[in-house]
Amino acid sequence: GIGIINVASMFGIRSVRREKTIDLIISFVPWREGI
């Protein structure tokens, strides 16, 4: 709805990291009746 945004320009250079270990996976699923 907005498009591409530059995170570092908007929130500062500390808002971006080059790499990070993957320690936790969180899956988003659309809610439905009986889920």
PDB file of all heavy atoms in Angstrom:
ATOM      1  N   GLY A   1       0.797  -1.207   0.000  1.00  0.00           N
ATOM      2  CA  GLY A   1       0.000   0.000   0.000  1.00  0.00           C
ATOM      3  C   GLY A   1       0.833   1.261   0.000  1.00  0.00           C
ATOM      4  O   GLY A   1       0.365   2.336  -0.375  1.00  0.00           O
ATOM      5  N   ILE A   2       2.106   1.148   0.432  1.00  0.00           N
ATOM      6  CA  ILE A   2       3.016   2.296   0.462  1.00  0.00           C
ATOM      7  C   ILE A   2       4.133   2.111  -0.550  1.00  0.00           C
ATOM      8  O   ILE A   2       4.497   3.026  -1.280  1.00  0.00           O
ATOM      9  CB  ILE A   2       3.602   2.495   1.878  1.00  0.00           C
ATOM     10  CG1 ILE A   2       2.473   2.817   2.866  1.00  0.00           C
ATOM     11  CG2 ILE A   2       4.652   3.607   1.880  1.00  0.00           C
ATOM     12  CD1 ILE A   2       2.924   2.921   4.301  1.00  0.00           C
ATOM     13  N   GLY A   3       4.703   0.899  -0.577  1.00  0.00           N
ATOM     14  CA  GLY A   3       5.789   0.620  -1.505  1.00  0.00           C
ATOM     15  C   GLY A   3       7.077   0.319  -0.774  1.00  0.00           C
ATOM     16  O   GLY A   3       7.078  -0.123   0.378  1.00  0.00           O
ATOM     17  N   ILE A   4       8.205   0.581  -1.429  1.00  0.00           N
ATOM     18  CA  ILE A   4       9.518   0.303  -0.857  1.00  0.00           C
ATOM     19  C   ILE A   4       9.926   1.448   0.059  1.00  0.00           C
ATOM     20  O   ILE A   4       9.839   2.618  -0.322  1.00  0.00           O
ATOM     21  CB  ILE A   4      10.573   0.116  -1.961  1.00  0.00           C
ATOM     22  CG1 ILE A   4      10.142  -0.956  -2.963  1.00  0.00           C
ATOM     23  CG2 ILE A   4      11.922  -0.245  -1.342  1.00  0.00           C
ATOM     24  CD1 ILE A   4       9.929  -2.319  -2.353  1.00  0.00           C
ATOM     25  N   ILE A   5      10.378   1.100   1.267  1.00  0.00           N
ATOM     26  CA  ILE A   5      10.843   2.126   2.208  1.00  0.00           C
ATOM     27  C   ILE A   5      12.289   1.826   2.599  1.00  0.00           C
ATOM     28  O   ILE A   5      12.725   0.680   2.599  1.00  0.00           O
ATOM     29  CB  ILE A   5       9.957   2.199   3.469  1.00  0.00           C
ATOM     30  CG1 ILE A   5      10.007   0.872   4.247  1.00  0.00           C
ATOM     31  CG2 ILE A   5       8.521   2.543   3.109  1.00  0.00           C
ATOM     32  CD1 ILE A   5       9.302   0.945   5.587  1.00  0.00           C
ATOM     33  N   ASN A   6      13.030   2.893   2.916  1.00  0.00           N
ATOM     34  CA  ASN A   6      14.418   2.783   3.348  1.00  0.00           C
ATOM     35  C   ASN A   6      14.439   2.850   4.870  1.00  0.00           C
ATOM     36  O   ASN A   6      14.260   3.909   5.464  1.00  0.00           O
ATOM     37  CB  ASN A   6      15.258   3.907   2.740  1.00  0.00           C
ATOM     38  CG  ASN A   6      16.744   3.725   3.006  1.00  0.00           C
ATOM     39  OD1 ASN A   6      17.143   3.240   4.064  1.00  0.00           O
ATOM     40  ND2 ASN A   6      17.570   4.117   2.048  1.00  0.00           N
ATOM     41  N   VAL A   7      14.652   1.711   5.507  1.00  0.00           N
ATOM     42  CA  VAL A   7      14.587   1.618   6.966  1.00  0.00           C
ATOM     43  C   VAL A   7      15.678   2.447   7.629  1.00  0.00           C
ATOM     44  O   VAL A   7      15.429   3.157   8.612  1.00  0.00           O
ATOM     45  CB  VAL A   7      14.679   0.143   7.404  1.00  0.00           C
ATOM     46  CG1 VAL A   7      14.787   0.022   8.917  1.00  0.00           C
ATOM     47  CG2 VAL A   7      13.472  -0.636   6.900  1.00  0.00           C
ATOM     48  N   ALA A   8      16.904   2.368   7.111  1.00  0.00           N
ATOM     49  CA  ALA A   8      18.021   3.103   7.719  1.00  0.00           C
ATOM     50  C   ALA A   8      17.795   4.606   7.671  1.00  0.00           C
ATOM     51  O   ALA A   8      18.106   5.324   8.630  1.00  0.00           O
ATOM     52  CB  ALA A   8      19.333   2.735   7.026  1.00  0.00           C
ATOM     53  N   SER A   9      17.248   5.108   6.562  1.00  0.00           N
ATOM     54  CA  SER A   9      16.998   6.543   6.438  1.00  0.00           C
ATOM     55  C   SER A   9      15.902   7.003   7.386  1.00  0.00           C
ATOM     56  O   SER A   9      15.956   8.110   7.932  1.00  0.00           O
ATOM     57  CB  SER A   9      16.614   6.894   4.998  1.00  0.00           C
ATOM     58  OG  SER A   9      17.677   6.608   4.112  1.00  0.00           O
ATOM     59  N   MET A  10      14.902   6.147   7.597  1.00  0.00           N
ATOM     60  CA  MET A  10      13.763   6.534   8.429  1.00  0.00           C
ATOM     61  C   MET A  10      14.028   6.366   9.922  1.00  0.00           C
ATOM     62  O   MET A  10      13.608   7.183  10.736  1.00  0.00           O
ATOM     63  CB  MET A  10      12.525   5.727   8.031  1.00  0.00           C
ATOM     64  CG  MET A  10      12.019   6.019   6.631  1.00  0.00           C
ATOM     65  SD  MET A  10      10.611   4.975   6.170  1.00  0.00           S
ATOM     66  CE  MET A  10       9.373   5.520   7.341  1.00  0.00           C
ATOM     67  N   PHE A  11      14.727   5.295  10.300  1.00  0.00           N
ATOM     68  CA  PHE A  11      14.872   4.967  11.717  1.00  0.00           C
ATOM     69  C   PHE A  11      16.316   4.998  12.213  1.00  0.00           C
ATOM     70  O   PHE A  11      16.568   4.727  13.390  1.00  0.00           O
ATOM     71  CB  PHE A  11      14.281   3.575  11.992  1.00  0.00           C
ATOM     72  CG  PHE A  11      12.831   3.462  11.627  1.00  0.00           C
ATOM     73  CD1 PHE A  11      12.452   2.837  10.446  1.00  0.00           C
ATOM     74  CD2 PHE A  11      11.846   3.986  12.446  1.00  0.00           C
ATOM     75  CE1 PHE A  11      11.114   2.723  10.091  1.00  0.00           C
ATOM     76  CE2 PHE A  11      10.508   3.876  12.101  1.00  0.00           C
ATOM     77  CZ  PHE A  11      10.139   3.250  10.924  1.00  0.00           C
ATOM     78  N   GLY A  12      17.267   5.283  11.332  1.00  0.00           N
ATOM     79  CA  GLY A  12      18.662   5.353  11.745  1.00  0.00           C
ATOM     80  C   GLY A  12      19.429   4.087  11.406  1.00  0.00           C
ATOM     81  O   GLY A  12      18.850   3.014  11.244  1.00  0.00           O
ATOM     82  N   ILE A  13      20.743   4.224  11.347  1.00  0.00           N
ATOM     83  CA  ILE A  13      21.590   3.110  10.915  1.00  0.00           C
ATOM     84  C   ILE A  13      21.529   1.935  11.879  1.00  0.00           C
ATOM     85  O   ILE A  13      21.746   0.790  11.500  1.00  0.00           O
ATOM     86  CB  ILE A  13      23.050   3.607  10.731  1.00  0.00           C
ATOM     87  CG1 ILE A  13      23.881   2.576   9.973  1.00  0.00           C
ATOM     88  CG2 ILE A  13      23.678   3.929  12.081  1.00  0.00           C
ATOM     89  CD1 ILE A  13      23.421   2.305   8.581  1.00  0.00           C
ATOM     90  N   ARG A  14      21.209   2.172  13.147  1.00  0.00           N
ATOM     91  CA  ARG A  14      21.142   1.086  14.127  1.00  0.00           C
ATOM     92  C   ARG A  14      19.935   0.180  13.896  1.00  0.00           C
ATOM     93  O   ARG A  14      19.836  -0.882  14.502  1.00  0.00           O
ATOM     94  CB  ARG A  14      21.089   1.656  15.544  1.00  0.00           C
ATOM     95  CG  ARG A  14      22.372   2.369  15.965  1.00  0.00           C
ATOM     96  CD  ARG A  14      22.281   2.932  17.355  1.00  0.00           C
ATOM     97  NE  ARG A  14      22.126   1.891  18.355  1.00  0.00           N
ATOM     98  CZ  ARG A  14      21.962   2.127  19.649  1.00  0.00           C
ATOM     99  NH1 ARG A  14      21.931   3.384  20.090  1.00  0.00           N
ATOM    100  NH2 ARG A  14      21.838   1.137  20.496  1.00  0.00           N
ATOM    101  N   SER A  15      19.040   0.577  13.022  1.00  0.00           N
ATOM    102  CA  SER A  15      17.848  -0.230  12.754  1.00  0.00           C
ATOM    103  C   SER A  15      18.102  -1.314  11.708  1.00  0.00           C
ATOM    104  O   SER A  15      17.197  -2.073  11.369  1.00  0.00           O
ATOM    105  CB  SER A  15      16.696   0.665  12.286  1.00  0.00           C
ATOM    106  OG  SER A  15      17.038   1.298  11.065  1.00  0.00           O
ATOM    107  N   VAL A  16      19.346  -1.422  11.213  1.00  0.00           N
ATOM    108  CA  VAL A  16      19.673  -2.403  10.183  1.00  0.00           C
ATOM    109  C   VAL A  16      20.907  -3.188  10.618  1.00  0.00           C
ATOM    110  O   VAL A  16      21.887  -2.606  11.110  1.00  0.00           O
ATOM    111  CB  VAL A  16      19.943  -1.729   8.819  1.00  0.00           C
ATOM    112  CG1 VAL A  16      20.368  -2.747   7.780  1.00  0.00           C
ATOM    113  CG2 VAL A  16      18.710  -0.982   8.345  1.00  0.00           C
ATOM    114  N   ARG A  17      20.867  -4.508  10.455  1.00  0.00           N
ATOM    115  CA  ARG A  17      22.015  -5.370  10.712  1.00  0.00           C
ATOM    116  C   ARG A  17      22.355  -6.150   9.461  1.00  0.00           C
ATOM    117  O   ARG A  17      21.476  -6.497   8.673  1.00  0.00           O
ATOM    118  CB  ARG A  17      21.711  -6.371  11.836  1.00  0.00           C
ATOM    119  CG  ARG A  17      21.663  -5.773  13.206  1.00  0.00           C
ATOM    120  CD  ARG A  17      21.796  -6.847  14.259  1.00  0.00           C
ATOM    121  NE  ARG A  17      23.039  -7.612  14.106  1.00  0.00           N
ATOM    122  CZ  ARG A  17      23.549  -8.358  15.068  1.00  0.00           C
ATOM    123  NH1 ARG A  17      22.943  -8.450  16.237  1.00  0.00           N
ATOM    124  NH2 ARG A  17      24.673  -9.019  14.875  1.00  0.00           N
ATOM    125  N   ARG A  18      23.642  -6.444   9.264  1.00  0.00           N
ATOM    126  CA  ARG A  18      24.073  -7.184   8.078  1.00  0.00           C
ATOM    127  C   ARG A  18      23.689  -8.658   8.180  1.00  0.00           C
ATOM    128  O   ARG A  18      23.278  -9.265   7.190  1.00  0.00           O
ATOM    129  CB  ARG A  18      25.589  -7.072   7.896  1.00  0.00           C
ATOM    130  CG  ARG A  18      26.047  -5.702   7.466  1.00  0.00           C
ATOM    131  CD  ARG A  18      27.554  -5.697   7.209  1.00  0.00           C
ATOM    132  NE  ARG A  18      27.898  -6.588   6.122  1.00  0.00           N
ATOM    133  CZ  ARG A  18      27.907  -6.239   4.839  1.00  0.00           C
ATOM    134  NH1 ARG A  18      27.570  -5.024   4.489  1.00  0.00           N
ATOM    135  NH2 ARG A  18      28.256  -7.113   3.906  1.00  0.00           N
ATOM    136  N   GLU A  19      23.832  -9.258   9.378  1.00  0.00           N
ATOM    137  CA  GLU A  19      23.532 -10.669   9.545  1.00  0.00           C
ATOM    138  C   GLU A  19      23.214 -10.969  11.002  1.00  0.00           C
ATOM    139  O   GLU A  19      23.547 -10.202  11.899  1.00  0.00           O
ATOM    140  CB  GLU A  19      24.704 -11.546   9.067  1.00  0.00           C
ATOM    141  CG  GLU A  19      26.026 -11.236   9.739  1.00  0.00           C
ATOM    142  CD  GLU A  19      27.181 -12.007   9.123  1.00  0.00           C
ATOM    143  OE1 GLU A  19      27.026 -12.547   8.010  1.00  0.00           O
ATOM    144  OE2 GLU A  19      28.241 -12.067   9.770  1.00  0.00           O
ATOM    145  N   LYS A  20      22.554 -12.100  11.236  1.00  0.00           N
ATOM    146  CA  LYS A  20      22.172 -12.494  12.595  1.00  0.00           C
ATOM    147  C   LYS A  20      21.907 -13.989  12.598  1.00  0.00           C
ATOM    148  O   LYS A  20      21.413 -14.551  11.622  1.00  0.00           O
ATOM    149  CB  LYS A  20      20.906 -11.742  13.051  1.00  0.00           C
ATOM    150  CG  LYS A  20      20.525 -11.997  14.504  1.00  0.00           C
ATOM    151  CD  LYS A  20      21.479 -11.302  15.451  1.00  0.00           C
ATOM    152  CE  LYS A  20      21.105 -11.544  16.917  1.00  0.00           C
ATOM    153  NZ  LYS A  20      21.483 -12.883  17.391  1.00  0.00           N
ATOM    154  N   THR A  21      22.235 -14.639  13.715  1.00  0.00           N
ATOM    155  CA  THR A  21      21.894 -16.054  13.845  1.00  0.00           C
ATOM    156  C   THR A  21      20.374 -16.209  13.900  1.00  0.00           C
ATOM    157  O   THR A  21      19.669 -15.338  14.417  1.00  0.00           O
ATOM    158  CB  THR A  21      22.508 -16.643  15.127  1.00  0.00           C
ATOM    159  OG1 THR A  21      22.101 -15.857  16.250  1.00  0.00           O
ATOM    160  CG2 THR A  21      24.019 -16.688  15.047  1.00  0.00           C
ATOM    161  N   ILE A  22      19.887 -17.321  13.374  1.00  0.00           N
ATOM    162  CA  ILE A  22      18.457 -17.611  13.426  1.00  0.00           C
ATOM    163  C   ILE A  22      18.217 -18.475  14.661  1.00  0.00           C
ATOM    164  O   ILE A  22      18.589 -19.639  14.704  1.00  0.00           O
ATOM    165  CB  ILE A  22      17.984 -18.331  12.143  1.00  0.00           C
ATOM    166  CG1 ILE A  22      18.254 -17.440  10.929  1.00  0.00           C
ATOM    167  CG2 ILE A  22      16.498 -18.687  12.234  1.00  0.00           C
ATOM    168  CD1 ILE A  22      17.914 -18.101   9.597  1.00  0.00           C
ATOM    169  N   ASP A  23      17.623 -17.868  15.689  1.00  0.00           N
ATOM    170  CA  ASP A  23      17.441 -18.533  16.980  1.00  0.00           C
ATOM    171  C   ASP A  23      16.010 -19.001  17.218  1.00  0.00           C
ATOM    172  O   ASP A  23      15.776 -19.903  18.019  1.00  0.00           O
ATOM    173  CB  ASP A  23      17.839 -17.581  18.121  1.00  0.00           C
ATOM    174  CG  ASP A  23      19.234 -17.013  17.936  1.00  0.00           C
ATOM    175  OD1 ASP A  23      20.176 -17.817  17.828  1.00  0.00           O
ATOM    176  OD2 ASP A  23      19.380 -15.775  17.887  1.00  0.00           O
ATOM    177  N   LEU A  24      15.054 -18.369  16.552  1.00  0.00           N
ATOM    178  CA  LEU A  24      13.638 -18.660  16.785  1.00  0.00           C
ATOM    179  C   LEU A  24      12.856 -18.425  15.502  1.00  0.00           C
ATOM    180  O   LEU A  24      13.086 -17.435  14.799  1.00  0.00           O
ATOM    181  CB  LEU A  24      13.099 -17.755  17.905  1.00  0.00           C
ATOM    182  CG  LEU A  24      11.617 -17.863  18.250  1.00  0.00           C
ATOM    183  CD1 LEU A  24      11.287 -19.229  18.843  1.00  0.00           C
ATOM    184  CD2 LEU A  24      11.217 -16.758  19.230  1.00  0.00           C
ATOM    185  N   ILE A  25      11.946 -19.343  15.188  1.00  0.00           N
ATOM    186  CA  ILE A  25      11.056 -19.182  14.027  1.00  0.00           C
ATOM    187  C   ILE A  25       9.643 -18.933  14.535  1.00  0.00           C
ATOM    188  O   ILE A  25       9.145 -19.675  15.392  1.00  0.00           O
ATOM    189  CB  ILE A  25      11.059 -20.441  13.143  1.00  0.00           C
ATOM    190  CG1 ILE A  25      12.472 -20.761  12.645  1.00  0.00           C
ATOM    191  CG2 ILE A  25      10.113 -20.273  11.952  1.00  0.00           C
ATOM    192  CD1 ILE A  25      12.586 -22.109  11.954  1.00  0.00           C
ATOM    193  N   ILE A  26       9.023 -17.898  14.030  1.00  0.00           N
ATOM    194  CA  ILE A  26       7.620 -17.605  14.363  1.00  0.00           C
ATOM    195  C   ILE A  26       6.823 -17.608  13.062  1.00  0.00           C
ATOM    196  O   ILE A  26       7.092 -16.817  12.158  1.00  0.00           O
ATOM    197  CB  ILE A  26       7.463 -16.267  15.094  1.00  0.00           C
ATOM    198  CG1 ILE A  26       8.222 -16.309  16.429  1.00  0.00           C
ATOM    199  CG2 ILE A  26       5.995 -15.941  15.325  1.00  0.00           C
ATOM    200  CD1 ILE A  26       8.115 -15.039  17.247  1.00  0.00           C
ATOM    201  N   SER A  27       5.865 -18.516  12.965  1.00  0.00           N
ATOM    202  CA  SER A  27       5.034 -18.629  11.763  1.00  0.00           C
ATOM    203  C   SER A  27       3.710 -17.916  11.983  1.00  0.00           C
ATOM    204  O   SER A  27       3.023 -18.155  12.980  1.00  0.00           O
ATOM    205  CB  SER A  27       4.775 -20.105  11.429  1.00  0.00           C
ATOM    206  OG  SER A  27       5.969 -20.762  11.094  1.00  0.00           O
ATOM    207  N   PHE A  28       3.352 -17.026  11.059  1.00  0.00           N
ATOM    208  CA  PHE A  28       2.058 -16.351  11.074  1.00  0.00           C
ATOM    209  C   PHE A  28       1.087 -17.138  10.198  1.00  0.00           C
ATOM    210  O   PHE A  28       1.401 -17.435   9.036  1.00  0.00           O
ATOM    211  CB  PHE A  28       2.171 -14.925  10.527  1.00  0.00           C
ATOM    212  CG  PHE A  28       2.897 -13.966  11.436  1.00  0.00           C
ATOM    213  CD1 PHE A  28       3.166 -12.669  11.013  1.00  0.00           C
ATOM    214  CD2 PHE A  28       3.298 -14.338  12.705  1.00  0.00           C
ATOM    215  CE1 PHE A  28       3.825 -11.770  11.833  1.00  0.00           C
ATOM    216  CE2 PHE A  28       3.957 -13.450  13.548  1.00  0.00           C
ATOM    217  CZ  PHE A  28       4.226 -12.164  13.103  1.00  0.00           C
ATOM    218  N   VAL A  29      -0.060 -17.476  10.736  1.00  0.00           N
ATOM    219  CA  VAL A  29      -1.106 -18.144   9.956  1.00  0.00           C
ATOM    220  C   VAL A  29      -2.406 -17.360  10.110  1.00  0.00           C
ATOM    221  O   VAL A  29      -2.717 -16.867  11.200  1.00  0.00           O
ATOM    222  CB  VAL A  29      -1.311 -19.607  10.422  1.00  0.00           C
ATOM    223  CG1 VAL A  29      -0.062 -20.430  10.151  1.00  0.00           C
ATOM    224  CG2 VAL A  29      -1.664 -19.682  11.895  1.00  0.00           C
ATOM    225  N   PRO A  30      -3.164 -17.196   9.034  1.00  0.00           N
ATOM    226  CA  PRO A  30      -4.440 -16.476   9.145  1.00  0.00           C
ATOM    227  C   PRO A  30      -5.396 -17.224  10.092  1.00  0.00           C
ATOM    228  O   PRO A  30      -5.518 -18.449  10.014  1.00  0.00           O
ATOM    229  CB  PRO A  30      -4.973 -16.471   7.711  1.00  0.00           C
ATOM    230  CG  PRO A  30      -3.779 -16.752   6.848  1.00  0.00           C
ATOM    231  CD  PRO A  30      -2.890 -17.624   7.660  1.00  0.00           C
ATOM    232  N   TRP A  31      -6.038 -16.478  10.975  1.00  0.00           N
ATOM    233  CA  TRP A  31      -6.974 -17.108  11.911  1.00  0.00           C
ATOM    234  C   TRP A  31      -8.225 -17.566  11.167  1.00  0.00           C
ATOM    235  O   TRP A  31      -8.697 -16.922  10.236  1.00  0.00           O
ATOM    236  CB  TRP A  31      -7.367 -16.121  13.004  1.00  0.00           C
ATOM    237  CG  TRP A  31      -8.256 -16.734  14.035  1.00  0.00           C
ATOM    238  CD1 TRP A  31      -7.897 -17.397  15.154  1.00  0.00           C
ATOM    239  CD2 TRP A  31      -9.693 -16.738  14.028  1.00  0.00           C
ATOM    240  NE1 TRP A  31      -8.984 -17.828  15.862  1.00  0.00           N
ATOM    241  CE2 TRP A  31     -10.120 -17.441  15.187  1.00  0.00           C
ATOM    242  CE3 TRP A  31     -10.656 -16.236  13.153  1.00  0.00           C
ATOM    243  CZ2 TRP A  31     -11.457 -17.633  15.496  1.00  0.00           C
ATOM    244  CZ3 TRP A  31     -12.000 -16.428  13.462  1.00  0.00           C
ATOM    245  CH2 TRP A  31     -12.378 -17.135  14.621  1.00  0.00           C
ATOM    246  N   ARG A  32      -8.739 -18.712  11.559  1.00  0.00           N
ATOM    247  CA  ARG A  32     -10.008 -19.208  11.016  1.00  0.00           C
ATOM    248  C   ARG A  32     -10.717 -19.966  12.128  1.00  0.00           C
ATOM    249  O   ARG A  32     -10.100 -20.394  13.117  1.00  0.00           O
ATOM    250  CB  ARG A  32      -9.766 -20.120   9.812  1.00  0.00           C
ATOM    251  CG  ARG A  32      -9.005 -21.402  10.135  1.00  0.00           C
ATOM    252  CD  ARG A  32      -8.763 -22.265   8.906  1.00  0.00           C
ATOM    253  NE  ARG A  32      -8.141 -23.531   9.272  1.00  0.00           N
ATOM    254  CZ  ARG A  32      -6.856 -23.701   9.490  1.00  0.00           C
ATOM    255  NH1 ARG A  32      -6.036 -22.659   9.369  1.00  0.00           N
ATOM    256  NH2 ARG A  32      -6.379 -24.889   9.838  1.00  0.00           N
ATOM    257  N   GLU A  33     -11.988 -20.152  11.972  1.00  0.00           N
ATOM    258  CA  GLU A  33     -12.783 -20.858  12.969  1.00  0.00           C
ATOM    259  C   GLU A  33     -12.258 -22.281  13.148  1.00  0.00           C
ATOM    260  O   GLU A  33     -12.040 -23.009  12.188  1.00  0.00           O
ATOM    261  CB  GLU A  33     -14.257 -20.902  12.522  1.00  0.00           C
ATOM    262  CG  GLU A  33     -15.209 -21.335  13.623  1.00  0.00           C
ATOM    263  CD  GLU A  33     -15.351 -20.302  14.725  1.00  0.00           C
ATOM    264  OE1 GLU A  33     -15.346 -19.087  14.413  1.00  0.00           O
ATOM    265  OE2 GLU A  33     -15.449 -20.707  15.905  1.00  0.00           O
ATOM    266  N   GLY A  34     -12.009 -22.640  14.378  1.00  0.00           N
ATOM    267  CA  GLY A  34     -11.556 -23.991  14.690  1.00  0.00           C
ATOM    268  C   GLY A  34     -10.055 -24.200  14.577  1.00  0.00           C
ATOM    269  O   GLY A  34      -9.589 -25.334  14.720  1.00  0.00           O
ATOM    270  N   ILE A  35      -9.296 -23.138  14.336  1.00  0.00           N
ATOM    271  CA  ILE A  35      -7.837 -23.294  14.217  1.00  0.00           C
ATOM    272  C   ILE A  35      -7.264 -23.747  15.559  1.00  0.00           C
ATOM    273  O   ILE A  35      -7.713 -23.324  16.632  1.00  0.00           O
ATOM    274  CB  ILE A  35      -7.191 -21.961  13.765  1.00  0.00           C
ATOM    275  CG1 ILE A  35      -5.728 -22.207  13.389  1.00  0.00           C
ATOM    276  CG2 ILE A  35      -7.280 -20.896  14.848  1.00  0.00           C
ATOM    277  CD1 ILE A  35      -5.058 -21.005  12.748  1.00  0.00           C
TER     278      ILE A  35
END
